[in-house]
Each structure stands twice: as structure tokens, then as C-alpha cells.
C-alpha atoms as a PDB file:
ATOM      1  CA  MET A   1      48.504  29.719 -31.203  1.00  0.00           C
ATOM      2  CA  LYS A   2      44.791  28.905 -30.373  1.00  0.00           C
ATOM      3  CA  PHE A   3      42.882  26.441 -32.660  1.00  0.00           C
ATOM      4  CA  SER A   4      39.344  25.809 -32.948  1.00  0.00           C
ATOM      5  CA  ALA A   5      37.951  22.255 -31.448  1.00  0.00           C
ATOM      6  CA  ARG A   6      37.042  21.551 -34.964  1.00  0.00           C
ATOM      7  CA  LEU A   7      40.433  22.335 -36.230  1.00  0.00           C
ATOM      8  CA  TRP A   8      41.831  19.821 -33.654  1.00  0.00           C
ATOM      9  CA  PHE A   9      39.223  17.324 -34.407  1.00  0.00           C
ATOM     10  CA  PHE A  10      40.139  17.306 -37.858  1.00  0.00           C
ATOM     11  CA  PHE A  11      43.971  16.947 -37.184  1.00  0.00           C
ATOM     12  CA  SER A  12      43.232  13.923 -34.714  1.00  0.00           C
ATOM     13  CA  PHE A  13      41.277  12.247 -37.781  1.00  0.00           C
ATOM     14  CA  LEU A  14      44.231  12.886 -39.828  1.00  0.00           C
ATOM     15  CA  PHE A  15      45.991  11.221 -36.967  1.00  0.00           C
ATOM     16  CA  CYS A  16      44.019   8.373 -36.840  1.00  0.00           C
ATOM     17  CA  ALA A  17      44.220   7.593 -40.595  1.00  0.00           C
ATOM     18  CA  GLY A  18      47.881   7.821 -40.630  1.00  0.00           C
ATOM     19  CA  LEU A  19      47.721   4.929 -37.671  1.00  0.00           C
ATOM     20  CA  ILE A  20      45.656   3.008 -39.980  1.00  0.00           C
ATOM     21  CA  GLY A  21      47.791   3.495 -42.981  1.00  0.00           C
ATOM     22  CA  ALA A  22      50.962   2.913 -41.094  1.00  0.00           C
ATOM     23  CA  ALA A  23      49.467  -0.740 -39.877  1.00  0.00           C
ATOM     24  CA  LEU A  24      48.280  -1.160 -43.676  1.00  0.00           C
ATOM     25  CA  TYR A  25      52.146  -0.478 -44.687  1.00  0.00           C
ATOM     26  CA  PHE A  26      53.168  -2.937 -42.034  1.00  0.00           C
ATOM     27  CA  GLN A  27      50.743  -5.569 -42.764  1.00  0.00           C
ATOM     28  CA  HIS A  28      50.817  -5.710 -46.690  1.00  0.00           C
ATOM     29  CA  ALA A  29      54.843  -4.179 -47.127  1.00  0.00           C
ATOM     30  CA  GLN A  30      56.798  -5.219 -44.416  1.00  0.00           C
ATOM     31  CA  GLY A  31      54.726  -8.488 -43.884  1.00  0.00           C
ATOM     32  CA  LEU A  32      54.054  -8.353 -40.410  1.00  0.00           C
ATOM     33  CA  GLU A  33      50.609 -10.485 -39.406  1.00  0.00           C
ATOM     34  CA  PRO A  34      48.338  -8.907 -37.102  1.00  0.00           C
ATOM     35  CA  CYS A  35      47.355 -10.295 -33.991  1.00  0.00           C
ATOM     36  CA  PRO A  36      43.941 -10.213 -32.308  1.00  0.00           C
ATOM     37  CA  LEU A  37      44.861  -7.602 -30.097  1.00  0.00           C
ATOM     38  CA  CYS A  38      45.919  -5.625 -32.713  1.00  0.00           C
ATOM     39  CA  ILE A  39      43.224  -5.734 -34.908  1.00  0.00           C
ATOM     40  CA  SER A  40      41.427  -4.759 -31.898  1.00  0.00           C
ATOM     41  CA  GLN A  41      43.698  -1.512 -31.388  1.00  0.00           C
ATOM     42  CA  ARG A  42      42.823  -1.178 -35.103  1.00  0.00           C
ATOM     43  CA  ILE A  43      39.333  -0.988 -34.688  1.00  0.00           C
ATOM     44  CA  ALA A  44      39.899   1.061 -31.613  1.00  0.00           C
ATOM     45  CA  VAL A  45      41.364   3.979 -34.023  1.00  0.00           C
ATOM     46  CA  VAL A  46      38.843   3.471 -36.909  1.00  0.00           C
ATOM     47  CA  VAL A  47      35.883   4.119 -33.883  1.00  0.00           C
ATOM     48  CA  ALA A  48      37.917   7.231 -32.646  1.00  0.00           C
ATOM     49  CA  GLY A  49      38.556   8.330 -35.854  1.00  0.00           C
ATOM     50  CA  ALA A  50      34.949   8.262 -36.931  1.00  0.00           C
ATOM     51  CA  VAL A  51      34.186  10.005 -34.118  1.00  0.00           C
ATOM     52  CA  PHE A  52      36.676  13.173 -34.697  1.00  0.00           C
ATOM     53  CA  LEU A  53      35.481  13.191 -38.476  1.00  0.00           C
ATOM     54  CA  ALA A  54      31.653  13.707 -37.504  1.00  0.00           C
ATOM     55  CA  ALA A  55      32.840  16.624 -34.918  1.00  0.00           C
ATOM     56  CA  THR A  56      34.601  17.773 -38.033  1.00  0.00           C
ATOM     57  CA  LEU A  57      32.130  17.541 -40.216  1.00  0.00           C
ATOM     58  CA  GLN A  58      29.383  18.483 -38.016  1.00  0.00           C
ATOM     59  CA  ASP A  59      30.826  21.634 -36.481  1.00  0.00           C
ATOM     60  CA  PRO A  60      28.893  21.525 -33.276  1.00  0.00           C
ATOM     61  CA  GLY A  61      28.426  23.924 -30.483  1.00  0.00           C
ATOM     62  CA  THR A  62      29.551  24.444 -27.271  1.00  0.00           C
ATOM     63  CA  MET A  63      27.649  20.892 -25.813  1.00  0.00           C
ATOM     64  CA  GLY A  64      28.376  18.981 -28.985  1.00  0.00           C
ATOM     65  CA  ILE A  65      32.052  19.962 -28.818  1.00  0.00           C
ATOM     66  CA  ARG A  66      31.496  18.517 -25.480  1.00  0.00           C
ATOM     67  CA  ILE A  67      29.935  15.278 -26.352  1.00  0.00           C
ATOM     68  CA  TYR A  68      32.445  14.561 -29.050  1.00  0.00           C
ATOM     69  CA  GLY A  69      35.249  15.288 -27.088  1.00  0.00           C
ATOM     70  CA  ILE A  70      34.123  12.970 -24.133  1.00  0.00           C
ATOM     71  CA  THR A  71      33.163  10.241 -26.669  1.00  0.00           C
ATOM     72  CA  GLY A  72      36.627  10.467 -28.692  1.00  0.00           C
ATOM     73  CA  PHE A  73      38.035  10.373 -25.183  1.00  0.00           C
ATOM     74  CA  LEU A  74      36.208   7.493 -24.444  1.00  0.00           C
ATOM     75  CA  ALA A  75      37.185   5.566 -27.832  1.00  0.00           C
ATOM     76  CA  ALA A  76      41.195   6.523 -27.505  1.00  0.00           C
ATOM     77  CA  ALA A  77      40.698   5.355 -23.426  1.00  0.00           C
ATOM     78  CA  THR A  78      39.455   1.750 -25.178  1.00  0.00           C
ATOM     79  CA  GLY A  79      42.441   1.573 -27.639  1.00  0.00           C
ATOM     80  CA  ALA A  80      44.965   2.635 -24.775  1.00  0.00           C
ATOM     81  CA  ALA A  81      43.243  -0.404 -22.496  1.00  0.00           C
ATOM     82  CA  ILE A  82      44.057  -2.593 -24.994  1.00  0.00           C
ATOM     83  CA  ALA A  83      47.251  -1.344 -26.003  1.00  0.00           C
ATOM     84  CA  GLY A  84      48.252  -1.444 -22.498  1.00  0.00           C
ATOM     85  CA  ARG A  85      46.949  -5.425 -22.506  1.00  0.00           C
ATOM     86  CA  HIS A  86      49.178  -5.902 -25.284  1.00  0.00           C
ATOM     87  CA  VAL A  87      52.225  -4.449 -23.710  1.00  0.00           C
ATOM     88  CA  TRP A  88      51.535  -6.152 -20.446  1.00  0.00           C
ATOM     89  CA  LEU A  89      51.412  -9.714 -22.444  1.00  0.00           C
ATOM     90  CA  GLN A  90      54.806  -8.871 -24.363  1.00  0.00           C
ATOM     91  CA  HIS A  91      56.478  -8.075 -20.963  1.00  0.00           C
ATOM     92  CA  LEU A  92      55.496 -11.484 -19.454  1.00  0.00           C
ATOM     93  CA  PRO A  93      58.045 -14.365 -18.830  1.00  0.00           C
ATOM     94  CA  PRO A  94      57.997 -16.981 -21.664  1.00  0.00           C
ATOM     95  CA  GLU A  95      56.299 -19.546 -19.227  1.00  0.00           C
ATOM     96  CA  GLU A  96      53.372 -17.225 -18.187  1.00  0.00           C
ATOM     97  CA  VAL A  97      52.502 -16.201 -21.866  1.00  0.00           C
ATOM     98  CA  PRO A  98      48.812 -17.876 -22.996  1.00  0.00           C
ATOM     99  CA  GLU A  99      48.674 -20.716 -25.303  1.00  0.00           C
ATOM    100  CA  CYS A 100      48.581 -19.454 -29.043  1.00  0.00           C
ATOM    101  CA  GLY A 101      44.928 -19.907 -30.407  1.00  0.00           C
ATOM    102  CA  PRO A 102      43.409 -20.711 -33.484  1.00  0.00           C
ATOM    103  CA  GLY A 103      43.274 -17.817 -36.300  1.00  0.00           C
ATOM    104  CA  LEU A 104      40.938 -15.260 -36.575  1.00  0.00           C
ATOM    105  CA  GLU A 105      39.002 -16.050 -39.373  1.00  0.00           C
ATOM    106  CA  TYR A 106      38.943 -19.693 -37.773  1.00  0.00           C
ATOM    107  CA  MET A 107      37.118 -18.568 -34.672  1.00  0.00           C
ATOM    108  CA  PHE A 108      34.543 -16.037 -36.712  1.00  0.00           C
ATOM    109  CA  GLN A 109      33.635 -18.750 -38.834  1.00  0.00           C
ATOM    110  CA  ASN A 110      33.260 -21.423 -35.952  1.00  0.00           C
ATOM    111  CA  PHE A 111      32.794 -19.939 -32.452  1.00  0.00           C
ATOM    112  CA  PRO A 112      30.291 -17.583 -31.408  1.00  0.00           C
ATOM    113  CA  ILE A 113      30.939 -13.818 -31.634  1.00  0.00           C
ATOM    114  CA  THR A 114      30.991 -13.469 -27.665  1.00  0.00           C
ATOM    115  CA  GLN A 115      34.026 -16.194 -27.695  1.00  0.00           C
ATOM    116  CA  THR A 116      35.689 -14.657 -30.455  1.00  0.00           C
ATOM    117  CA  LEU A 117      35.688 -11.166 -29.160  1.00  0.00           C
ATOM    118  CA  LYS A 118      36.901 -12.338 -25.765  1.00  0.00           C
ATOM    119  CA  PHE A 119      39.519 -14.192 -27.437  1.00  0.00           C
ATOM    120  CA  MET A 120      40.283 -10.855 -29.676  1.00  0.00           C
ATOM    121  CA  LEU A 121      40.551  -8.641 -26.700  1.00  0.00           C
ATOM    122  CA  SER A 122      42.335 -11.373 -23.877  1.00  0.00           C
ATOM    123  CA  GLY A 123      45.431 -11.798 -26.464  1.00  0.00           C
ATOM    124  CA  THR A 124      47.124 -15.181 -27.335  1.00  0.00           C
ATOM    125  CA  GLY A 125      50.476 -16.317 -27.256  1.00  0.00           C
ATOM    126  CA  ASP A 126      50.817 -14.669 -30.852  1.00  0.00           C
ATOM    127  CA  CYS A 127      50.140 -11.176 -29.339  1.00  0.00           C
ATOM    128  CA  ALA A 128      53.215 -11.960 -26.846  1.00  0.00           C
ATOM    129  CA  LYS A 129      55.448 -11.909 -29.660  1.00  0.00           C
ATOM    130  CA  VAL A 130      57.662  -8.280 -30.531  1.00  0.00           C
ATOM    131  CA  ASP A 131      58.332  -8.230 -34.413  1.00  0.00           C
ATOM    132  CA  TRP A 132      59.432  -4.433 -34.301  1.00  0.00           C
ATOM    133  CA  THR A 133      60.678  -2.106 -32.650  1.00  0.00           C
ATOM    134  CA  LEU A 134      61.420   1.652 -32.599  1.00  0.00           C
ATOM    135  CA  LEU A 135      63.838   3.357 -30.021  1.00  0.00           C
ATOM    136  CA  GLY A 136      63.480   0.358 -27.637  1.00  0.00           C
ATOM    137  CA  PHE A 137      59.705   0.156 -27.675  1.00  0.00           C
ATOM    138  CA  SER A 138      57.440  -1.752 -29.392  1.00  0.00           C
ATOM    139  CA  MET A 139      54.780  -1.355 -31.822  1.00  0.00           C
ATOM    140  CA  PRO A 140      51.664  -1.713 -29.443  1.00  0.00           C
ATOM    141  CA  ALA A 141      53.724   0.718 -26.627  1.00  0.00           C
ATOM    142  CA  TRP A 142      53.815   3.460 -29.341  1.00  0.00           C
ATOM    143  CA  THR A 143      50.367   2.697 -30.371  1.00  0.00           C
ATOM    144  CA  PHE A 144      49.345   3.137 -26.159  1.00  0.00           C
ATOM    145  CA  VAL A 145      51.495   6.264 -26.549  1.00  0.00           C
ATOM    146  CA  CYS A 146      49.112   7.446 -29.431  1.00  0.00           C
ATOM    147  CA  PHE A 147      45.796   6.372 -27.966  1.00  0.00           C
ATOM    148  CA  VAL A 148      47.134   8.424 -24.729  1.00  0.00           C
ATOM    149  CA  THR A 149      47.834  11.637 -26.940  1.00  0.00           C
ATOM    150  CA  LEU A 150      44.658  11.412 -28.896  1.00  0.00           C
ATOM    151  CA  ALA A 151      42.679  10.866 -25.281  1.00  0.00           C
ATOM    152  CA  LEU A 152      43.968  13.603 -24.212  1.00  0.00           C
ATOM    153  CA  VAL A 153      43.456  15.786 -26.960  1.00  0.00           C
ATOM    154  CA  SER A 154      40.044  14.604 -27.279  1.00  0.00           C
ATOM    155  CA  LEU A 155      39.433  15.703 -23.648  1.00  0.00           C
ATOM    156  CA  ALA A 156      41.151  18.884 -23.737  1.00  0.00           C
ATOM    157  CA  GLN A 157      38.402  20.220 -26.334  1.00  0.00           C
ATOM    158  CA  CYS A 158      35.966  19.959 -23.534  1.00  0.00           C
ATOM    159  CA  TRP A 159      38.184  23.072 -22.053  1.00  0.00           C
ATOM    160  CA  ASN A 160      38.565  24.468 -25.396  1.00  0.00           C
ATOM    161  CA  VAL A 161      35.190  25.414 -25.788  1.00  0.00           C
ATOM    162  CA  LYS A 162      35.470  28.104 -23.494  1.00  0.00           C
ATOM    163  CA  ARG A 163      37.984  30.151 -25.779  1.00  0.00           C
ATOM    164  CA  LEU A 164      35.449  29.664 -28.931  1.00  0.00           C
ATOM    165  CA  SER A 165      33.436  32.029 -27.203  1.00  0.00           C
ATOM    166  CA  ASN A 166      36.165  34.702 -26.936  1.00  0.00           C
ATOM    167  CA  ARG A 167      36.411  35.285 -30.229  1.00  0.00           C
ATOM    168  CA  ASN A 168      40.320  34.670 -29.995  1.00  0.00           C
ATOM    169  CA  VAL A 169      40.473  31.760 -31.798  1.00  0.00           C
ATOM    170  CA  ILE A 170      43.164  32.252 -34.688  1.00  0.00           C
ATOM    171  CA  TYR A 171      42.736  29.289 -36.833  1.00  0.00           C
ATOM    172  CA  ARG A 172      39.355  28.110 -37.617  1.00  0.00           C
ATOM    173  CA  ILE A 173      37.960  25.927 -40.205  1.00  0.00           C
END
């Protein structure tokens, strides 16, 4: 089956919405408090989702699909890099794990924004703790897989443009 780029962007947006929904479920229903890297990953999911939603609503032409595809790829690749760092921290030996820092709320109130962002992106000892696993993979590992999938689907839309001109697209919104 051949889907239009707009439909792929819509599916990607729904996937991002599902990831945020799952994150909120784990935080509020399961009581898992997000660490700074988790929050950074959520921001990356929201940014990628916003790109995919904009692409869906605009229904761009050939050049627009390529621009949205590359922008979505960059947002998802950034999230994958953050998730990769998170997985790396979780696999460090205990003596090499960075020290735990103050909470994000405290940092936002008492530190410059640049230092707070540096803390958020580098991670703390809280980020090395594994609270949840599925099939032996931690939540950041699954998030990494999701980001890589989103990045590949987004980048693939640059080649999906060629199919749009052939009128062989079965499903188009």
C-alpha cells in the first residue's frame, strides 16, 4: 500500500501524542517521576509532534514535504541523541554515575537558563536509575527506538514525494 506523505505525517503525529500520553500515564498513574533527561526527551517528542502536525495541516507540496521531512528528522534525531545518552548513563558502572543534582524546579528558579539546560541535557545520577523495563529494555531504550523510527519515517518522506506525482497513491487525506 502506498500512503501519501500527509498521511505518514499524521500517523507520526499520532505516535508522538501516544508517547506523551504514555509518559503522562507513567508519571501520574504509576508514580514514576521524570528525570532531567526524561523531560528533555518529552520536549523532543513535542517538537517532533508539532512538526508532524504542521505538515499534516498544511498539506505541503513537494518542496514543503522535503522541508518537513528533514525538520522532523532533525527533531527526532535530537531526541534519539538524548535518549542514547540516557541509555548510556544507565549502563555506567555505579562508581562512574554522575552525582545527583538539585531538582529541575530548583534549578529553574536559582540558576541561569544556560546552566539549567546543560544539566537537563547531560543528566544526573537520577537518570541512571532504571525504574521500569519491558522485554529487558528500559524506558529510555524504548524511547530511543521510537525516535529512530520517527526519524526514518520522516526522512523517508523526502523519497515519498516522487510517488505523489505518479497518482498511484491509494490513501490520501
